[in-house]
Amino acid sequence: MSEERKQILSMLQEGKISVDDAERLLNALAEGERRKHKGRASAGAVRKSLGSSLDSIGEALAGIGPLISEAVGEATSGLGEDEAGADEEEEEEELEQVALEDGGFDIPEGQKLVIRQAGRRGLLGAGSGDLELEGCEGTRCQVLPEDGGALKVFRGRGSCSIRWAGGDLRVRVPHSVSSVTARTLGGDIRSEGLGCQLFVKAMGGNLDIDTSGHEFQAKTMGGNIRVKMLKASGGESRAKSMGGDIRLELELDDPLELRASTMGGEISVDPELGSVSRSGSFGRQKATIVIGAAKGDPGSSVNLKTTGGNIVIVRREGEEAGDD
């Protein structure tokens, strides 16, 4: 391997460039070599050299999840007062703080719920913790544990916001809300029985969610993602992990198109889901699965993408999904 290729791979591993940037640089390097050698080096030899370099990217990325998770944990534990985002501070000024009554508060029909773990000591303090979301009837949001010193609730136009400093948090989300957006720093997020759209992001944590007829977006750096779909959403949903695996469990017969892509990992699809169209090279794998009468215009689609991790797509029947 040439010194230039080693430098590109080194920059990728150090996080100085993205996977896409590395691919573009390697492609440009190969093109330069082709022109330099002109007719002396065949196009096949250049492609073989490029393929070897991109395969090395896959090997370098595989298994980086724990390293990313550890790095994120160290970074978030050291956040201080001056490291706050100005946008959060401005947003907070526009919101009105709400007092908890018996550990809960009411959310008007159709409003959004935003749940964020504080990223600085200046607001509430800093610390990691897991977040559990559970759907419930009515319009009342229940927060456990109730700790007014470490947790604050704000209300704005069209949304309510929960901020907490750290430690495990459980939120009972009423079906009256239109969507939930949640973020953790160093903690996991789990959801069950929600009746709305879900947008979750974890830095250094795992995501474990179920969805029934609603769009979702799940993103984590240094963690794994598990999604259980009970019903198609009628829109486009996404799951993306940097350094972790993705597992999708399907308990539906609705028309659905699945698109999976991994750099440095493998894609495994349950044979019961039908035929799989596969493509990719140079360390990247892609797969497309069409379920039911989804050909043409499926109406619902799910995009799964991971760097340095594997993707598993299975069909589960009822209680089997909870046996793992």
C-alpha atoms as a PDB file:
ATOM      1  CA  MET A   1       0.000   0.000   0.000  1.00  0.00           C
ATOM      2  CA  SER A   2       1.359   3.435  -0.951  1.00  0.00           C
ATOM      3  CA  GLU A   3       2.183   6.095   1.627  1.00  0.00           C
ATOM      4  CA  GLU A   4      -0.623   8.319   0.296  1.00  0.00           C
ATOM      5  CA  ARG A   5      -3.227   5.609   0.901  1.00  0.00           C
ATOM      6  CA  LYS A   6      -1.900   5.016   4.412  1.00  0.00           C
ATOM      7  CA  GLN A   7      -2.274   8.723   5.162  1.00  0.00           C
ATOM      8  CA  ILE A   8      -5.876   8.728   3.921  1.00  0.00           C
ATOM      9  CA  LEU A   9      -6.778   5.709   6.078  1.00  0.00           C
ATOM     10  CA  SER A  10      -4.999   7.271   9.056  1.00  0.00           C
ATOM     11  CA  MET A  11      -7.033  10.482   8.698  1.00  0.00           C
ATOM     12  CA  LEU A  12     -10.227   8.404   8.513  1.00  0.00           C
ATOM     13  CA  GLN A  13      -9.427   6.479  11.693  1.00  0.00           C
ATOM     14  CA  GLU A  14      -8.573   9.719  13.524  1.00  0.00           C
ATOM     15  CA  GLY A  15     -11.900  11.229  12.500  1.00  0.00           C
ATOM     16  CA  LYS A  16     -10.340  14.028  10.466  1.00  0.00           C
ATOM     17  CA  ILE A  17     -12.284  13.007   7.338  1.00  0.00           C
ATOM     18  CA  SER A  18     -15.509  11.103   6.706  1.00  0.00           C
ATOM     19  CA  VAL A  19     -15.912   7.764   4.926  1.00  0.00           C
ATOM     20  CA  ASP A  20     -17.248   9.556   1.845  1.00  0.00           C
ATOM     21  CA  ASP A  21     -14.256  11.910   1.882  1.00  0.00           C
ATOM     22  CA  ALA A  22     -11.896   8.931   2.086  1.00  0.00           C
ATOM     23  CA  GLU A  23     -13.587   7.272  -0.870  1.00  0.00           C
ATOM     24  CA  ARG A  24     -13.302  10.423  -2.955  1.00  0.00           C
ATOM     25  CA  LEU A  25      -9.614  10.816  -2.077  1.00  0.00           C
ATOM     26  CA  LEU A  26      -8.840   7.206  -2.913  1.00  0.00           C
ATOM     27  CA  ASN A  27     -10.712   7.488  -6.193  1.00  0.00           C
ATOM     28  CA  ALA A  28      -8.784  10.648  -7.065  1.00  0.00           C
ATOM     29  CA  LEU A  29      -5.508   8.960  -6.113  1.00  0.00           C
ATOM     30  CA  ALA A  30      -6.306   5.977  -8.321  1.00  0.00           C
ATOM     31  CA  GLU A  31      -7.189   8.274 -11.221  1.00  0.00           C
ATOM     32  CA  GLY A  32      -3.892  10.090 -10.777  1.00  0.00           C
ATOM     33  CA  GLU A  33      -1.995   6.823 -10.830  1.00  0.00           C
ATOM     34  CA  ARG A  34      -3.837   5.737 -13.949  1.00  0.00           C
ATOM     35  CA  ARG A  35      -2.859   8.898 -15.782  1.00  0.00           C
ATOM     36  CA  LYS A  36       0.706   8.701 -14.513  1.00  0.00           C
ATOM     37  CA  HIS A  37       1.215   5.172 -15.728  1.00  0.00           C
ATOM     38  CA  LYS A  38      -0.847   5.798 -18.868  1.00  0.00           C
ATOM     39  CA  GLY A  39      -0.830   2.626 -20.890  1.00  0.00           C
ATOM     40  CA  ARG A  40       1.694   0.837 -18.720  1.00  0.00           C
ATOM     41  CA  ALA A  41      -0.819   0.006 -16.014  1.00  0.00           C
ATOM     42  CA  SER A  42      -4.106  -1.543 -17.029  1.00  0.00           C
ATOM     43  CA  ALA A  43      -7.423  -0.239 -15.739  1.00  0.00           C
ATOM     44  CA  GLY A  44      -7.943  -3.615 -14.082  1.00  0.00           C
ATOM     45  CA  ALA A  45      -4.758  -3.228 -12.048  1.00  0.00           C
ATOM     46  CA  VAL A  46      -5.835   0.231 -10.882  1.00  0.00           C
ATOM     47  CA  ARG A  47      -9.254  -1.063  -9.844  1.00  0.00           C
ATOM     48  CA  LYS A  48      -7.607  -3.912  -7.951  1.00  0.00           C
ATOM     49  CA  SER A  49      -5.363  -1.458  -6.112  1.00  0.00           C
ATOM     50  CA  LEU A  50      -8.317   0.804  -5.274  1.00  0.00           C
ATOM     51  CA  GLY A  51     -10.385  -2.150  -4.127  1.00  0.00           C
ATOM     52  CA  SER A  52      -7.627  -3.245  -1.768  1.00  0.00           C
ATOM     53  CA  SER A  53      -7.504   0.232  -0.223  1.00  0.00           C
ATOM     54  CA  LEU A  54     -11.273   0.489   0.259  1.00  0.00           C
ATOM     55  CA  ASP A  55     -11.407  -3.004   1.730  1.00  0.00           C
ATOM     56  CA  SER A  56      -8.874  -1.727   4.263  1.00  0.00           C
ATOM     57  CA  ILE A  57     -11.356   1.018   5.184  1.00  0.00           C
ATOM     58  CA  GLY A  58     -13.927  -1.631   6.014  1.00  0.00           C
ATOM     59  CA  GLU A  59     -11.440  -3.530   8.154  1.00  0.00           C
ATOM     60  CA  ALA A  60     -10.422  -0.325   9.926  1.00  0.00           C
ATOM     61  CA  LEU A  61     -14.036   0.594  10.688  1.00  0.00           C
ATOM     62  CA  ALA A  62     -15.247  -2.805  11.878  1.00  0.00           C
ATOM     63  CA  GLY A  63     -15.594  -2.947  15.656  1.00  0.00           C
ATOM     64  CA  ILE A  64     -15.014   0.760  16.346  1.00  0.00           C
ATOM     65  CA  GLY A  65     -18.306   1.090  18.253  1.00  0.00           C
ATOM     66  CA  PRO A  66     -16.881   0.530  21.781  1.00  0.00           C
ATOM     67  CA  LEU A  67     -14.040   2.985  21.088  1.00  0.00           C
ATOM     68  CA  ILE A  68     -16.482   5.676  19.942  1.00  0.00           C
ATOM     69  CA  SER A  69     -18.747   5.041  22.924  1.00  0.00           C
ATOM     70  CA  GLU A  70     -15.838   5.388  25.364  1.00  0.00           C
ATOM     71  CA  ALA A  71     -14.619   8.560  23.688  1.00  0.00           C
ATOM     72  CA  VAL A  72     -18.100  10.107  23.750  1.00  0.00           C
ATOM     73  CA  GLY A  73     -18.526   9.204  27.407  1.00  0.00           C
ATOM     74  CA  GLU A  74     -15.263  10.909  28.342  1.00  0.00           C
ATOM     75  CA  ALA A  75     -16.178  13.996  26.327  1.00  0.00           C
ATOM     76  CA  THR A  76     -19.676  14.424  27.756  1.00  0.00           C
ATOM     77  CA  SER A  77     -18.547  13.880  31.350  1.00  0.00           C
ATOM     78  CA  GLY A  78     -16.236  16.879  31.070  1.00  0.00           C
ATOM     79  CA  LEU A  79     -18.659  19.443  29.659  1.00  0.00           C
ATOM     80  CA  GLY A  80     -18.510  22.761  31.484  1.00  0.00           C
ATOM     81  CA  GLU A  81     -20.448  25.995  31.765  1.00  0.00           C
ATOM     82  CA  ASP A  82     -18.741  27.719  28.837  1.00  0.00           C
ATOM     83  CA  GLU A  83     -19.348  24.823  26.428  1.00  0.00           C
ATOM     84  CA  ALA A  84     -23.070  25.500  26.020  1.00  0.00           C
ATOM     85  CA  GLY A  85     -24.698  26.024  22.662  1.00  0.00           C
ATOM     86  CA  ALA A  86     -25.992  29.552  22.180  1.00  0.00           C
ATOM     87  CA  ASP A  87     -29.000  28.188  20.329  1.00  0.00           C
ATOM     88  CA  GLU A  88     -30.194  26.245  23.392  1.00  0.00           C
ATOM     89  CA  GLU A  89     -29.791  29.341  25.562  1.00  0.00           C
ATOM     90  CA  GLU A  90     -31.847  31.461  23.181  1.00  0.00           C
ATOM     91  CA  GLU A  91     -34.474  28.753  22.885  1.00  0.00           C
ATOM     92  CA  GLU A  92     -34.766  28.529  26.668  1.00  0.00           C
ATOM     93  CA  GLU A  93     -35.433  32.276  26.924  1.00  0.00           C
ATOM     94  CA  GLU A  94     -38.410  31.902  24.593  1.00  0.00           C
ATOM     95  CA  LEU A  95     -40.002  29.205  26.749  1.00  0.00           C
ATOM     96  CA  GLU A  96     -42.035  29.499  29.923  1.00  0.00           C
ATOM     97  CA  GLN A  97     -41.109  27.184  32.779  1.00  0.00           C
ATOM     98  CA  VAL A  98     -43.863  24.847  33.958  1.00  0.00           C
ATOM     99  CA  ALA A  99     -44.208  23.573  37.520  1.00  0.00           C
ATOM    100  CA  LEU A 100     -44.719  19.829  37.964  1.00  0.00           C
ATOM    101  CA  GLU A 101     -47.878  18.774  39.797  1.00  0.00           C
ATOM    102  CA  ASP A 102     -47.795  15.272  41.263  1.00  0.00           C
ATOM    103  CA  GLY A 103     -44.863  14.498  38.968  1.00  0.00           C
ATOM    104  CA  GLY A 104     -46.593  15.516  35.745  1.00  0.00           C
ATOM    105  CA  PHE A 105     -47.974  18.230  33.495  1.00  0.00           C
ATOM    106  CA  ASP A 106     -50.600  18.522  30.771  1.00  0.00           C
ATOM    107  CA  ILE A 107     -49.761  18.691  27.057  1.00  0.00           C
ATOM    108  CA  PRO A 108     -52.404  20.171  24.728  1.00  0.00           C
ATOM    109  CA  GLU A 109     -53.568  18.042  21.835  1.00  0.00           C
ATOM    110  CA  GLY A 110     -51.204  18.101  18.840  1.00  0.00           C
ATOM    111  CA  GLN A 111     -48.185  19.655  20.554  1.00  0.00           C
ATOM    112  CA  LYS A 112     -44.636  18.341  20.212  1.00  0.00           C
ATOM    113  CA  LEU A 113     -42.600  16.975  23.113  1.00  0.00           C
ATOM    114  CA  VAL A 114     -38.846  17.602  23.253  1.00  0.00           C
ATOM    115  CA  ILE A 115     -36.674  15.757  25.799  1.00  0.00           C
ATOM    116  CA  ARG A 116     -33.030  16.688  26.167  1.00  0.00           C
ATOM    117  CA  GLN A 117     -30.280  15.715  28.511  1.00  0.00           C
ATOM    118  CA  ALA A 118     -28.443  18.856  29.586  1.00  0.00           C
ATOM    119  CA  GLY A 119     -25.065  19.223  27.933  1.00  0.00           C
ATOM    120  CA  ARG A 120     -23.584  21.641  30.424  1.00  0.00           C
ATOM    121  CA  ARG A 121     -23.412  22.387  34.124  1.00  0.00           C
ATOM    122  CA  GLY A 122     -24.587  25.940  33.565  1.00  0.00           C
ATOM    123  CA  LEU A 123     -28.209  24.828  33.108  1.00  0.00           C
ATOM    124  CA  LEU A 124     -28.757  21.839  35.332  1.00  0.00           C
ATOM    125  CA  GLY A 125     -25.511  19.933  35.786  1.00  0.00           C
ATOM    126  CA  ALA A 126     -23.973  17.254  33.599  1.00  0.00           C
ATOM    127  CA  GLY A 127     -24.189  13.480  33.749  1.00  0.00           C
ATOM    128  CA  SER A 128     -25.211  10.454  31.738  1.00  0.00           C
ATOM    129  CA  GLY A 129     -28.394   8.466  32.147  1.00  0.00           C
ATOM    130  CA  ASP A 130     -30.852   6.279  30.265  1.00  0.00           C
ATOM    131  CA  LEU A 131     -34.202   7.502  28.958  1.00  0.00           C
ATOM    132  CA  GLU A 132     -37.323   5.320  28.844  1.00  0.00           C
ATOM    133  CA  LEU A 133     -40.400   6.465  26.907  1.00  0.00           C
ATOM    134  CA  GLU A 134     -43.778   4.804  27.458  1.00  0.00           C
ATOM    135  CA  GLY A 135     -47.007   5.693  25.686  1.00  0.00           C
ATOM    136  CA  CYS A 136     -50.195   6.340  27.655  1.00  0.00           C
ATOM    137  CA  GLU A 137     -53.751   7.566  27.110  1.00  0.00           C
ATOM    138  CA  GLY A 138     -54.934  11.092  27.808  1.00  0.00           C
ATOM    139  CA  THR A 139     -53.089  14.408  27.724  1.00  0.00           C
ATOM    140  CA  ARG A 140     -50.995  14.202  30.887  1.00  0.00           C
ATOM    141  CA  CYS A 141     -47.244  13.618  30.747  1.00  0.00           C
ATOM    142  CA  GLN A 142     -45.812  11.856  33.794  1.00  0.00           C
ATOM    143  CA  VAL A 143     -42.120  12.202  34.689  1.00  0.00           C
ATOM    144  CA  LEU A 144     -40.282   9.757  36.969  1.00  0.00           C
ATOM    145  CA  PRO A 145     -38.389  10.366  39.118  1.00  0.00           C
ATOM    146  CA  GLU A 146     -39.759  13.745  40.159  1.00  0.00           C
ATOM    147  CA  ASP A 147     -36.786  15.930  41.044  1.00  0.00           C
ATOM    148  CA  GLY A 148     -37.339  19.641  40.662  1.00  0.00           C
ATOM    149  CA  GLY A 149     -33.662  20.417  41.261  1.00  0.00           C
ATOM    150  CA  ALA A 150     -32.384  18.226  38.435  1.00  0.00           C
ATOM    151  CA  LEU A 151     -35.274  18.422  35.989  1.00  0.00           C
ATOM    152  CA  LYS A 152     -37.113  21.339  34.429  1.00  0.00           C
ATOM    153  CA  VAL A 153     -40.110  21.594  32.102  1.00  0.00           C
ATOM    154  CA  PHE A 154     -40.739  24.441  29.669  1.00  0.00           C
ATOM    155  CA  ARG A 155     -43.704  25.266  27.438  1.00  0.00           C
ATOM    156  CA  GLY A 156     -43.598  27.243  24.193  1.00  0.00           C
ATOM    157  CA  ARG A 157     -45.752  27.766  21.173  1.00  0.00           C
ATOM    158  CA  GLY A 158     -46.595  24.318  19.853  1.00  0.00           C
ATOM    159  CA  SER A 159     -44.194  22.362  22.058  1.00  0.00           C
ATOM    160  CA  CYS A 160     -43.210  21.313  25.565  1.00  0.00           C
ATOM    161  CA  SER A 161     -39.613  20.669  26.585  1.00  0.00           C
ATOM    162  CA  ILE A 162     -38.122  18.504  29.336  1.00  0.00           C
ATOM    163  CA  ARG A 163     -34.505  19.119  30.386  1.00  0.00           C
ATOM    164  CA  TRP A 164     -32.726  16.921  32.889  1.00  0.00           C
ATOM    165  CA  ALA A 165     -29.184  16.812  34.254  1.00  0.00           C
ATOM    166  CA  GLY A 166     -28.514  13.093  34.304  1.00  0.00           C
ATOM    167  CA  GLY A 167     -29.456   9.814  35.895  1.00  0.00           C
ATOM    168  CA  ASP A 168     -32.145   7.499  34.553  1.00  0.00           C
ATOM    169  CA  LEU A 169     -35.405   9.110  33.500  1.00  0.00           C
ATOM    170  CA  ARG A 170     -38.780   7.580  32.666  1.00  0.00           C
ATOM    171  CA  VAL A 171     -41.414   9.579  30.819  1.00  0.00           C
ATOM    172  CA  ARG A 172     -45.005   8.504  30.203  1.00  0.00           C
ATOM    173  CA  VAL A 173     -45.908  10.173  26.918  1.00  0.00           C
ATOM    174  CA  PRO A 174     -49.620  10.866  26.250  1.00  0.00           C
ATOM    175  CA  HIS A 175     -51.049   9.908  22.877  1.00  0.00           C
ATOM    176  CA  SER A 176     -52.147  13.523  22.475  1.00  0.00           C
ATOM    177  CA  VAL A 177     -48.656  14.636  21.332  1.00  0.00           C
ATOM    178  CA  SER A 178     -47.840  14.802  17.626  1.00  0.00           C
ATOM    179  CA  SER A 179     -44.160  13.865  17.927  1.00  0.00           C
ATOM    180  CA  VAL A 180     -41.362  13.151  20.393  1.00  0.00           C
ATOM    181  CA  THR A 181     -37.789  14.347  19.914  1.00  0.00           C
ATOM    182  CA  ALA A 182     -35.276  12.990  22.430  1.00  0.00           C
ATOM    183  CA  ARG A 183     -31.524  13.205  22.910  1.00  0.00           C
ATOM    184  CA  THR A 184     -29.123  11.688  25.428  1.00  0.00           C
ATOM    185  CA  LEU A 185     -25.409  12.136  26.115  1.00  0.00           C
ATOM    186  CA  GLY A 186     -23.836   8.809  27.040  1.00  0.00           C
ATOM    187  CA  GLY A 187     -27.157   7.074  27.808  1.00  0.00           C
ATOM    188  CA  ASP A 188     -29.542   4.653  26.093  1.00  0.00           C
ATOM    189  CA  ILE A 189     -33.045   5.422  24.821  1.00  0.00           C
ATOM    190  CA  ARG A 190     -35.906   2.913  24.914  1.00  0.00           C
ATOM    191  CA  SER A 191     -39.468   3.457  23.734  1.00  0.00           C
ATOM    192  CA  GLU A 192     -42.660   1.415  23.764  1.00  0.00           C
ATOM    193  CA  GLY A 193     -46.282   2.069  22.897  1.00  0.00           C
ATOM    194  CA  LEU A 194     -45.922   5.612  21.589  1.00  0.00           C
ATOM    195  CA  GLY A 195     -48.701   6.953  19.378  1.00  0.00           C
ATOM    196  CA  CYS A 196     -46.709   9.540  17.424  1.00  0.00           C
ATOM    197  CA  GLN A 197     -43.651  10.227  15.303  1.00  0.00           C
ATOM    198  CA  LEU A 198     -40.339   9.573  17.051  1.00  0.00           C
ATOM    199  CA  PHE A 199     -36.966  11.261  16.514  1.00  0.00           C
ATOM    200  CA  VAL A 200     -34.190  10.010  18.801  1.00  0.00           C
ATOM    201  CA  LYS A 201     -30.454  10.627  18.966  1.00  0.00           C
ATOM    202  CA  ALA A 202     -27.846   9.230  21.361  1.00  0.00           C
ATOM    203  CA  MET A 203     -24.180  10.069  21.735  1.00  0.00           C
ATOM    204  CA  GLY A 204     -22.454   6.938  22.994  1.00  0.00           C
ATOM    205  CA  GLY A 205     -25.700   5.061  23.764  1.00  0.00           C
ATOM    206  CA  ASN A 206     -27.966   2.375  22.312  1.00  0.00           C
ATOM    207  CA  LEU A 207     -31.443   2.888  20.853  1.00  0.00           C
ATOM    208  CA  ASP A 208     -34.239   0.340  21.367  1.00  0.00           C
ATOM    209  CA  ILE A 209     -37.571   1.476  19.927  1.00  0.00           C
ATOM    210  CA  ASP A 210     -40.850   0.095  18.681  1.00  0.00           C
ATOM    211  CA  THR A 211     -43.119   1.808  16.216  1.00  0.00           C
ATOM    212  CA  SER A 212     -46.641   1.183  15.008  1.00  0.00           C
ATOM    213  CA  GLY A 213     -47.727   3.165  11.979  1.00  0.00           C
ATOM    214  CA  HIS A 214     -45.591   6.259  12.651  1.00  0.00           C
ATOM    215  CA  GLU A 215     -42.403   7.555  11.084  1.00  0.00           C
ATOM    216  CA  PHE A 216     -39.173   7.406  13.057  1.00  0.00           C
ATOM    217  CA  GLN A 217     -35.606   8.614  12.838  1.00  0.00           C
ATOM    218  CA  ALA A 218     -32.973   6.983  15.032  1.00  0.00           C
ATOM    219  CA  LYS A 219     -29.337   8.025  15.096  1.00  0.00           C
ATOM    220  CA  THR A 220     -26.483   7.076  17.396  1.00  0.00           C
ATOM    221  CA  MET A 221     -22.724   7.430  17.514  1.00  0.00           C
ATOM    222  CA  GLY A 222     -20.975   4.524  19.181  1.00  0.00           C
ATOM    223  CA  GLY A 223     -24.143   2.523  19.914  1.00  0.00           C
ATOM    224  CA  ASN A 224     -26.433  -0.147  18.485  1.00  0.00           C
ATOM    225  CA  ILE A 225     -29.970   0.335  17.174  1.00  0.00           C
ATOM    226  CA  ARG A 226     -32.866  -2.070  17.514  1.00  0.00           C
ATOM    227  CA  VAL A 227     -36.212  -1.260  15.889  1.00  0.00           C
ATOM    228  CA  LYS A 228     -39.417  -3.291  16.137  1.00  0.00           C
ATOM    229  CA  MET A 229     -41.971  -2.359  13.510  1.00  0.00           C
ATOM    230  CA  LEU A 230     -45.563  -3.435  14.147  1.00  0.00           C
ATOM    231  CA  LYS A 231     -47.080  -1.474  11.278  1.00  0.00           C
ATOM    232  CA  ALA A 232     -45.832   0.503   8.271  1.00  0.00           C
ATOM    233  CA  SER A 233     -45.745   4.267   8.711  1.00  0.00           C
ATOM    234  CA  GLY A 234     -46.860   5.410   5.274  1.00  0.00           C
ATOM    235  CA  GLY A 235     -43.727   7.570   5.016  1.00  0.00           C
ATOM    236  CA  GLU A 236     -39.936   7.346   5.115  1.00  0.00           C
ATOM    237  CA  SER A 237     -38.104   6.286   8.272  1.00  0.00           C
ATOM    238  CA  ARG A 238     -34.369   6.125   8.956  1.00  0.00           C
ATOM    239  CA  ALA A 239     -31.906   4.459  11.312  1.00  0.00           C
ATOM    240  CA  LYS A 240     -28.213   5.359  11.261  1.00  0.00           C
ATOM    241  CA  SER A 241     -25.314   4.261  13.460  1.00  0.00           C
ATOM    242  CA  MET A 242     -21.658   5.221  13.471  1.00  0.00           C
ATOM    243  CA  GLY A 243     -19.710   2.261  14.833  1.00  0.00           C
ATOM    244  CA  GLY A 244     -22.695   0.100  15.859  1.00  0.00           C
ATOM    245  CA  ASP A 245     -25.032  -2.616  14.586  1.00  0.00           C
ATOM    246  CA  ILE A 246     -28.642  -2.189  13.419  1.00  0.00           C
ATOM    247  CA  ARG A 247     -31.348  -4.799  13.940  1.00  0.00           C
ATOM    248  CA  LEU A 248     -34.816  -4.420  12.405  1.00  0.00           C
ATOM    249  CA  GLU A 249     -37.605  -6.749  13.566  1.00  0.00           C
ATOM    250  CA  LEU A 250     -40.738  -6.791  11.427  1.00  0.00           C
ATOM    251  CA  GLU A 251     -44.137  -7.888  12.677  1.00  0.00           C
ATOM    252  CA  LEU A 252     -46.207  -6.669   9.743  1.00  0.00           C
ATOM    253  CA  ASP A 253     -47.517  -7.634   6.335  1.00  0.00           C
ATOM    254  CA  ASP A 254     -47.917  -4.085   5.041  1.00  0.00           C
ATOM    255  CA  PRO A 255     -46.235  -3.063   1.768  1.00  0.00           C
ATOM    256  CA  LEU A 256     -42.748  -1.844   2.624  1.00  0.00           C
ATOM    257  CA  GLU A 257     -39.428  -1.124   0.917  1.00  0.00           C
ATOM    258  CA  LEU A 258     -36.231  -1.619   2.926  1.00  0.00           C
ATOM    259  CA  ARG A 259     -32.863  -0.197   1.937  1.00  0.00           C
ATOM    260  CA  ALA A 260     -29.748  -1.192   3.884  1.00  0.00           C
ATOM    261  CA  SER A 261     -26.147  -0.012   3.544  1.00  0.00           C
ATOM    262  CA  THR A 262     -23.028  -0.753   5.580  1.00  0.00           C
ATOM    263  CA  MET A 263     -19.372   0.165   5.303  1.00  0.00           C
ATOM    264  CA  GLY A 264     -17.154  -2.452   6.923  1.00  0.00           C
ATOM    265  CA  GLY A 265     -19.979  -4.790   8.008  1.00  0.00           C
ATOM    266  CA  GLU A 266     -22.372  -7.483   6.778  1.00  0.00           C
ATOM    267  CA  ILE A 267     -26.077  -7.418   5.850  1.00  0.00           C
ATOM    268  CA  SER A 268     -28.210 -10.387   6.915  1.00  0.00           C
ATOM    269  CA  VAL A 269     -31.830 -10.727   5.733  1.00  0.00           C
ATOM    270  CA  ASP A 270     -34.396 -13.293   6.883  1.00  0.00           C
ATOM    271  CA  PRO A 271     -35.214 -15.577   3.900  1.00  0.00           C
ATOM    272  CA  GLU A 272     -38.907 -15.364   4.810  1.00  0.00           C
ATOM    273  CA  LEU A 273     -38.932 -11.722   3.738  1.00  0.00           C
ATOM    274  CA  GLY A 274     -38.484 -12.722   0.099  1.00  0.00           C
ATOM    275  CA  SER A 275     -35.916 -11.883  -2.539  1.00  0.00           C
ATOM    276  CA  VAL A 276     -33.072  -9.479  -1.835  1.00  0.00           C
ATOM    277  CA  SER A 277     -31.332  -7.273  -4.378  1.00  0.00           C
ATOM    278  CA  ARG A 278     -27.684  -6.843  -3.385  1.00  0.00           C
ATOM    279  CA  SER A 279     -24.921  -4.594  -4.671  1.00  0.00           C
ATOM    280  CA  GLY A 280     -21.743  -2.866  -3.545  1.00  0.00           C
ATOM    281  CA  SER A 281     -17.997  -3.288  -3.579  1.00  0.00           C
ATOM    282  CA  PHE A 282     -14.801  -2.056  -1.968  1.00  0.00           C
ATOM    283  CA  GLY A 283     -15.948  -2.721   1.601  1.00  0.00           C
ATOM    284  CA  ARG A 284     -19.470  -1.321   1.169  1.00  0.00           C
ATOM    285  CA  GLN A 285     -22.558  -3.539   0.994  1.00  0.00           C
ATOM    286  CA  LYS A 286     -26.070  -2.550  -0.050  1.00  0.00           C
ATOM    287  CA  ALA A 287     -29.352  -4.437  -0.086  1.00  0.00           C
ATOM    288  CA  THR A 288     -32.934  -3.671  -1.099  1.00  0.00           C
ATOM    289  CA  ILE A 289     -35.926  -5.731   0.030  1.00  0.00           C
ATOM    290  CA  VAL A 290     -39.465  -5.201  -1.236  1.00  0.00           C
ATOM    291  CA  ILE A 291     -42.224  -6.635   0.942  1.00  0.00           C
ATOM    292  CA  GLY A 292     -45.834  -7.210  -0.079  1.00  0.00           C
ATOM    293  CA  ALA A 293     -47.305  -5.161  -2.902  1.00  0.00           C
ATOM    294  CA  ALA A 294     -44.708  -2.442  -2.444  1.00  0.00           C
ATOM    295  CA  LYS A 295     -43.367  -2.522  -5.992  1.00  0.00           C
ATOM    296  CA  GLY A 296     -43.659   0.755  -7.832  1.00  0.00           C
ATOM    297  CA  ASP A 297     -44.861   3.107  -5.120  1.00  0.00           C
ATOM    298  CA  PRO A 298     -44.549   1.310  -1.740  1.00  0.00           C
ATOM    299  CA  GLY A 299     -45.830   4.251   0.292  1.00  0.00           C
ATOM    300  CA  SER A 300     -43.605   3.213   3.226  1.00  0.00           C
ATOM    301  CA  SER A 301     -39.843   2.834   3.303  1.00  0.00           C
ATOM    302  CA  VAL A 302     -37.073   2.332   5.855  1.00  0.00           C
ATOM    303  CA  ASN A 303     -33.426   3.279   5.299  1.00  0.00           C
ATOM    304  CA  LEU A 304     -30.794   1.568   7.437  1.00  0.00           C
ATOM    305  CA  LYS A 305     -27.193   2.761   7.349  1.00  0.00           C
ATOM    306  CA  THR A 306     -24.181   1.970   9.498  1.00  0.00           C
ATOM    307  CA  THR A 307     -20.448   2.535   9.372  1.00  0.00           C
ATOM    308  CA  GLY A 308     -18.357  -0.183  10.988  1.00  0.00           C
ATOM    309  CA  GLY A 309     -21.358  -2.324  11.976  1.00  0.00           C
ATOM    310  CA  ASN A 310     -23.658  -5.101  10.780  1.00  0.00           C
ATOM    311  CA  ILE A 311     -27.318  -4.936   9.724  1.00  0.00           C
ATOM    312  CA  VAL A 312     -29.796  -7.706  10.536  1.00  0.00           C
ATOM    313  CA  ILE A 313     -33.379  -7.723   9.216  1.00  0.00           C
ATOM    314  CA  VAL A 314     -35.756 -10.412  10.486  1.00  0.00           C
ATOM    315  CA  ARG A 315     -39.452 -11.226  10.519  1.00  0.00           C
ATOM    316  CA  ARG A 316     -40.761 -11.993  13.979  1.00  0.00           C
ATOM    317  CA  GLU A 317     -44.050 -13.472  15.064  1.00  0.00           C
ATOM    318  CA  GLY A 318     -45.731 -11.984  18.121  1.00  0.00           C
ATOM    319  CA  GLU A 319     -43.937 -12.714  21.376  1.00  0.00           C
ATOM    320  CA  GLU A 320     -40.790 -13.986  19.633  1.00  0.00           C
ATOM    321  CA  ALA A 321     -39.538 -10.403  19.256  1.00  0.00           C
ATOM    322  CA  GLY A 322     -39.303 -10.021  23.007  1.00  0.00           C
ATOM    323  CA  ASP A 323     -37.475 -13.285  23.669  1.00  0.00           C
ATOM    324  CA  ASP A 324     -33.970 -11.994  22.790  1.00  0.00           C
END
